[in-house]
PDB file of N, CA and C in Angstrom:
ATOM      1  N   UNK A   1       0.838  -1.190   0.000  1.00  0.00           N
ATOM      2  CA  UNK A   1       0.000   0.000   0.000  1.00  0.00           C
ATOM      3  C   UNK A   1       0.883   1.253   0.000  1.00  0.00           C
ATOM      4  N   UNK A   2       0.504   2.220  -0.825  1.00  0.00           N
ATOM      5  CA  UNK A   2       1.308   3.441  -0.907  1.00  0.00           C
ATOM      6  C   UNK A   2       0.712   4.561  -0.066  1.00  0.00           C
ATOM      7  N   UNK A   3       1.557   5.521   0.268  1.00  0.00           N
ATOM      8  CA  UNK A   3       1.128   6.684   1.033  1.00  0.00           C
ATOM      9  C   UNK A   3       0.354   7.597   0.085  1.00  0.00           C
ATOM     10  N   UNK A   4      -0.821   8.056   0.501  1.00  0.00           N
ATOM     11  CA  UNK A   4      -1.669   8.848  -0.395  1.00  0.00           C
ATOM     12  C   UNK A   4      -1.267  10.316  -0.474  1.00  0.00           C
ATOM     13  N   UNK A   5      -0.731  10.858   0.612  1.00  0.00           N
ATOM     14  CA  UNK A   5      -0.350  12.272   0.610  1.00  0.00           C
ATOM     15  C   UNK A   5       1.151  12.441   0.513  1.00  0.00           C
ATOM     16  N   UNK A   6       1.570  13.042  -0.591  1.00  0.00           N
ATOM     17  CA  UNK A   6       3.002  13.308  -0.795  1.00  0.00           C
ATOM     18  C   UNK A   6       3.165  14.796  -1.094  1.00  0.00           C
ATOM     19  N   UNK A   7       3.263  15.628  -0.056  1.00  0.00           N
ATOM     20  CA  UNK A   7       3.325  17.074  -0.246  1.00  0.00           C
ATOM     21  C   UNK A   7       4.557  17.534  -1.015  1.00  0.00           C
ATOM     22  N   UNK A   8       4.341  18.461  -1.937  1.00  0.00           N
ATOM     23  CA  UNK A   8       5.431  19.064  -2.694  1.00  0.00           C
ATOM     24  C   UNK A   8       5.258  20.581  -2.560  1.00  0.00           C
ATOM     25  N   UNK A   9       6.074  21.189  -1.702  1.00  0.00           N
ATOM     26  CA  UNK A   9       5.916  22.614  -1.396  1.00  0.00           C
ATOM     27  C   UNK A   9       6.103  23.531  -2.591  1.00  0.00           C
ATOM     28  N   UNK A  10       7.024  23.180  -3.493  1.00  0.00           N
ATOM     29  CA  UNK A  10       7.263  24.026  -4.656  1.00  0.00           C
ATOM     30  C   UNK A  10       6.026  24.038  -5.573  1.00  0.00           C
ATOM     31  N   UNK A  11       5.459  22.853  -5.802  1.00  0.00           N
ATOM     32  CA  UNK A  11       4.267  22.753  -6.644  1.00  0.00           C
ATOM     33  C   UNK A  11       3.099  23.495  -6.015  1.00  0.00           C
ATOM     34  N   UNK A  12       2.983  23.386  -4.686  1.00  0.00           N
ATOM     35  CA  UNK A  12       1.917  24.058  -3.949  1.00  0.00           C
ATOM     36  C   UNK A  12       2.005  25.568  -4.138  1.00  0.00           C
ATOM     37  N   UNK A  13       3.221  26.102  -4.001  1.00  0.00           N
ATOM     38  CA  UNK A  13       3.406  27.553  -4.146  1.00  0.00           C
ATOM     39  C   UNK A  13       3.187  28.017  -5.578  1.00  0.00           C
ATOM     40  N   UNK A  14       3.560  27.174  -6.527  1.00  0.00           N
ATOM     41  CA  UNK A  14       3.422  27.517  -7.943  1.00  0.00           C
ATOM     42  C   UNK A  14       1.961  27.566  -8.382  1.00  0.00           C
ATOM     43  N   UNK A  15       1.092  26.855  -7.656  1.00  0.00           N
ATOM     44  CA  UNK A  15      -0.319  26.831  -8.030  1.00  0.00           C
ATOM     45  C   UNK A  15      -1.201  27.668  -7.117  1.00  0.00           C
ATOM     46  N   UNK A  16      -0.860  27.733  -5.817  1.00  0.00           N
ATOM     47  CA  UNK A  16      -1.717  28.437  -4.870  1.00  0.00           C
ATOM     48  C   UNK A  16      -1.022  29.583  -4.151  1.00  0.00           C
ATOM     49  N   UNK A  17       0.178  29.945  -4.569  1.00  0.00           N
ATOM     50  CA  UNK A  17       0.948  30.985  -3.898  1.00  0.00           C
ATOM     51  C   UNK A  17       0.407  32.387  -4.117  1.00  0.00           C
ATOM     52  N   UNK A  18       0.925  33.317  -3.332  1.00  0.00           N
ATOM     53  CA  UNK A  18       0.474  34.710  -3.382  1.00  0.00           C
ATOM     54  C   UNK A  18       0.691  35.340  -4.757  1.00  0.00           C
ATOM     55  N   UNK A  19       1.869  35.153  -5.348  1.00  0.00           N
ATOM     56  CA  UNK A  19       2.183  35.767  -6.639  1.00  0.00           C
ATOM     57  C   UNK A  19       1.272  35.247  -7.743  1.00  0.00           C
ATOM     58  N   UNK A  20       0.949  33.970  -7.690  1.00  0.00           N
ATOM     59  CA  UNK A  20       0.056  33.368  -8.679  1.00  0.00           C
ATOM     60  C   UNK A  20      -1.342  33.948  -8.533  1.00  0.00           C
ATOM     61  N   UNK A  21      -1.779  34.116  -7.281  1.00  0.00           N
ATOM     62  CA  UNK A  21      -3.104  34.693  -7.016  1.00  0.00           C
ATOM     63  C   UNK A  21      -3.192  36.123  -7.567  1.00  0.00           C
ATOM     64  N   UNK A  22      -2.118  36.879  -7.396  1.00  0.00           N
ATOM     65  CA  UNK A  22      -2.131  38.278  -7.806  1.00  0.00           C
ATOM     66  C   UNK A  22      -2.089  38.459  -9.321  1.00  0.00           C
ATOM     67  N   UNK A  23      -1.715  37.421 -10.053  1.00  0.00           N
ATOM     68  CA  UNK A  23      -1.618  37.508 -11.514  1.00  0.00           C
ATOM     69  C   UNK A  23      -2.973  37.668 -12.194  1.00  0.00           C
ATOM     70  N   UNK A  24      -3.983  36.941 -11.709  1.00  0.00           N
ATOM     71  CA  UNK A  24      -5.285  36.990 -12.357  1.00  0.00           C
ATOM     72  C   UNK A  24      -6.292  37.801 -11.543  1.00  0.00           C
ATOM     73  N   UNK A  25      -7.344  38.229 -12.217  1.00  0.00           N
ATOM     74  CA  UNK A  25      -8.380  39.019 -11.559  1.00  0.00           C
ATOM     75  C   UNK A  25      -9.105  38.176 -10.519  1.00  0.00           C
ATOM     76  N   UNK A  26      -9.382  36.938 -10.867  1.00  0.00           N
ATOM     77  CA  UNK A  26     -10.054  36.021  -9.952  1.00  0.00           C
ATOM     78  C   UNK A  26      -9.240  35.765  -8.706  1.00  0.00           C
ATOM     79  N   UNK A  27      -7.933  35.619  -8.908  1.00  0.00           N
ATOM     80  CA  UNK A  27      -7.020  35.387  -7.791  1.00  0.00           C
ATOM     81  C   UNK A  27      -6.978  36.569  -6.841  1.00  0.00           C
ATOM     82  N   UNK A  28      -7.011  37.774  -7.408  1.00  0.00           N
ATOM     83  CA  UNK A  28      -7.023  38.983  -6.596  1.00  0.00           C
ATOM     84  C   UNK A  28      -8.310  39.068  -5.773  1.00  0.00           C
ATOM     85  N   UNK A  29      -9.397  38.579  -6.370  1.00  0.00           N
ATOM     86  CA  UNK A  29     -10.678  38.552  -5.654  1.00  0.00           C
ATOM     87  C   UNK A  29     -10.608  37.593  -4.472  1.00  0.00           C
ATOM     88  N   UNK A  30      -9.901  36.483  -4.660  1.00  0.00           N
ATOM     89  CA  UNK A  30      -9.706  35.499  -3.587  1.00  0.00           C
ATOM     90  C   UNK A  30      -9.006  36.164  -2.408  1.00  0.00           C
ATOM     91  N   UNK A  31      -7.905  36.875  -2.718  1.00  0.00           N
ATOM     92  CA  UNK A  31      -7.129  37.580  -1.684  1.00  0.00           C
ATOM     93  C   UNK A  31      -8.021  38.608  -0.974  1.00  0.00           C
ATOM     94  N   UNK A  32      -8.781  39.343  -1.769  1.00  0.00           N
ATOM     95  CA  UNK A  32      -9.668  40.377  -1.239  1.00  0.00           C
ATOM     96  C   UNK A  32     -10.694  39.781  -0.276  1.00  0.00           C
ATOM     97  N   UNK A  33     -11.315  38.659  -0.682  1.00  0.00           N
ATOM     98  CA  UNK A  33     -12.304  37.985   0.163  1.00  0.00           C
ATOM     99  C   UNK A  33     -11.683  37.486   1.460  1.00  0.00           C
ATOM    100  N   UNK A  34     -10.480  36.924   1.356  1.00  0.00           N
ATOM    101  CA  UNK A  34      -9.809  36.394   2.544  1.00  0.00           C
ATOM    102  C   UNK A  34      -9.399  37.514   3.501  1.00  0.00           C
ATOM    103  N   UNK A  35      -8.995  38.674   2.933  1.00  0.00           N
ATOM    104  CA  UNK A  35      -8.671  39.838   3.768  1.00  0.00           C
ATOM    105  C   UNK A  35      -9.913  40.329   4.493  1.00  0.00           C
ATOM    106  N   UNK A  36     -11.037  40.388   3.749  1.00  0.00           N
ATOM    107  CA  UNK A  36     -12.301  40.863   4.311  1.00  0.00           C
ATOM    108  C   UNK A  36     -12.788  39.950   5.438  1.00  0.00           C
ATOM    109  N   UNK A  37     -12.508  38.666   5.290  1.00  0.00           N
ATOM    110  CA  UNK A  37     -12.934  37.684   6.279  1.00  0.00           C
ATOM    111  C   UNK A  37     -12.025  37.712   7.507  1.00  0.00           C
ATOM    112  N   UNK A  38     -10.864  38.348   7.346  1.00  0.00           N
ATOM    113  CA  UNK A  38      -9.940  38.494   8.459  1.00  0.00           C
ATOM    114  C   UNK A  38      -9.020  37.316   8.652  1.00  0.00           C
ATOM    115  N   UNK A  39      -8.691  36.647   7.545  1.00  0.00           N
ATOM    116  CA  UNK A  39      -7.795  35.478   7.608  1.00  0.00           C
ATOM    117  C   UNK A  39      -6.386  35.908   7.954  1.00  0.00           C
ATOM    118  N   UNK A  40      -5.729  35.142   8.834  1.00  0.00           N
ATOM    119  CA  UNK A  40      -4.355  35.426   9.198  1.00  0.00           C
ATOM    120  C   UNK A  40      -3.436  35.035   8.040  1.00  0.00           C
ATOM    121  N   UNK A  41      -3.735  33.894   7.418  1.00  0.00           N
ATOM    122  CA  UNK A  41      -2.964  33.423   6.267  1.00  0.00           C
ATOM    123  C   UNK A  41      -3.814  33.577   5.016  1.00  0.00           C
ATOM    124  N   UNK A  42      -3.338  34.381   4.073  1.00  0.00           N
ATOM    125  CA  UNK A  42      -4.083  34.601   2.842  1.00  0.00           C
ATOM    126  C   UNK A  42      -3.833  33.480   1.842  1.00  0.00           C
ATOM    127  N   UNK A  43      -2.577  33.091   1.715  1.00  0.00           N
ATOM    128  CA  UNK A  43      -2.209  31.999   0.803  1.00  0.00           C
ATOM    129  C   UNK A  43      -1.171  31.118   1.501  1.00  0.00           C
ATOM    130  N   UNK A  44      -0.722  30.081   0.772  1.00  0.00           N
ATOM    131  CA  UNK A  44       0.285  29.173   1.328  1.00  0.00           C
ATOM    132  C   UNK A  44       1.661  29.786   1.411  1.00  0.00           C
TER     133      UNK A  44
END
């Protein structure tokens, strides 16, 4: 049996990181919503 979760931090940042979020309009909206909600961590 293999381990199901194999985290890769570089891949995570490349897809869900702050800079990636800021590139698109939708991503900026995500950041905006999370700021409005008062999240301590906006992205990974």
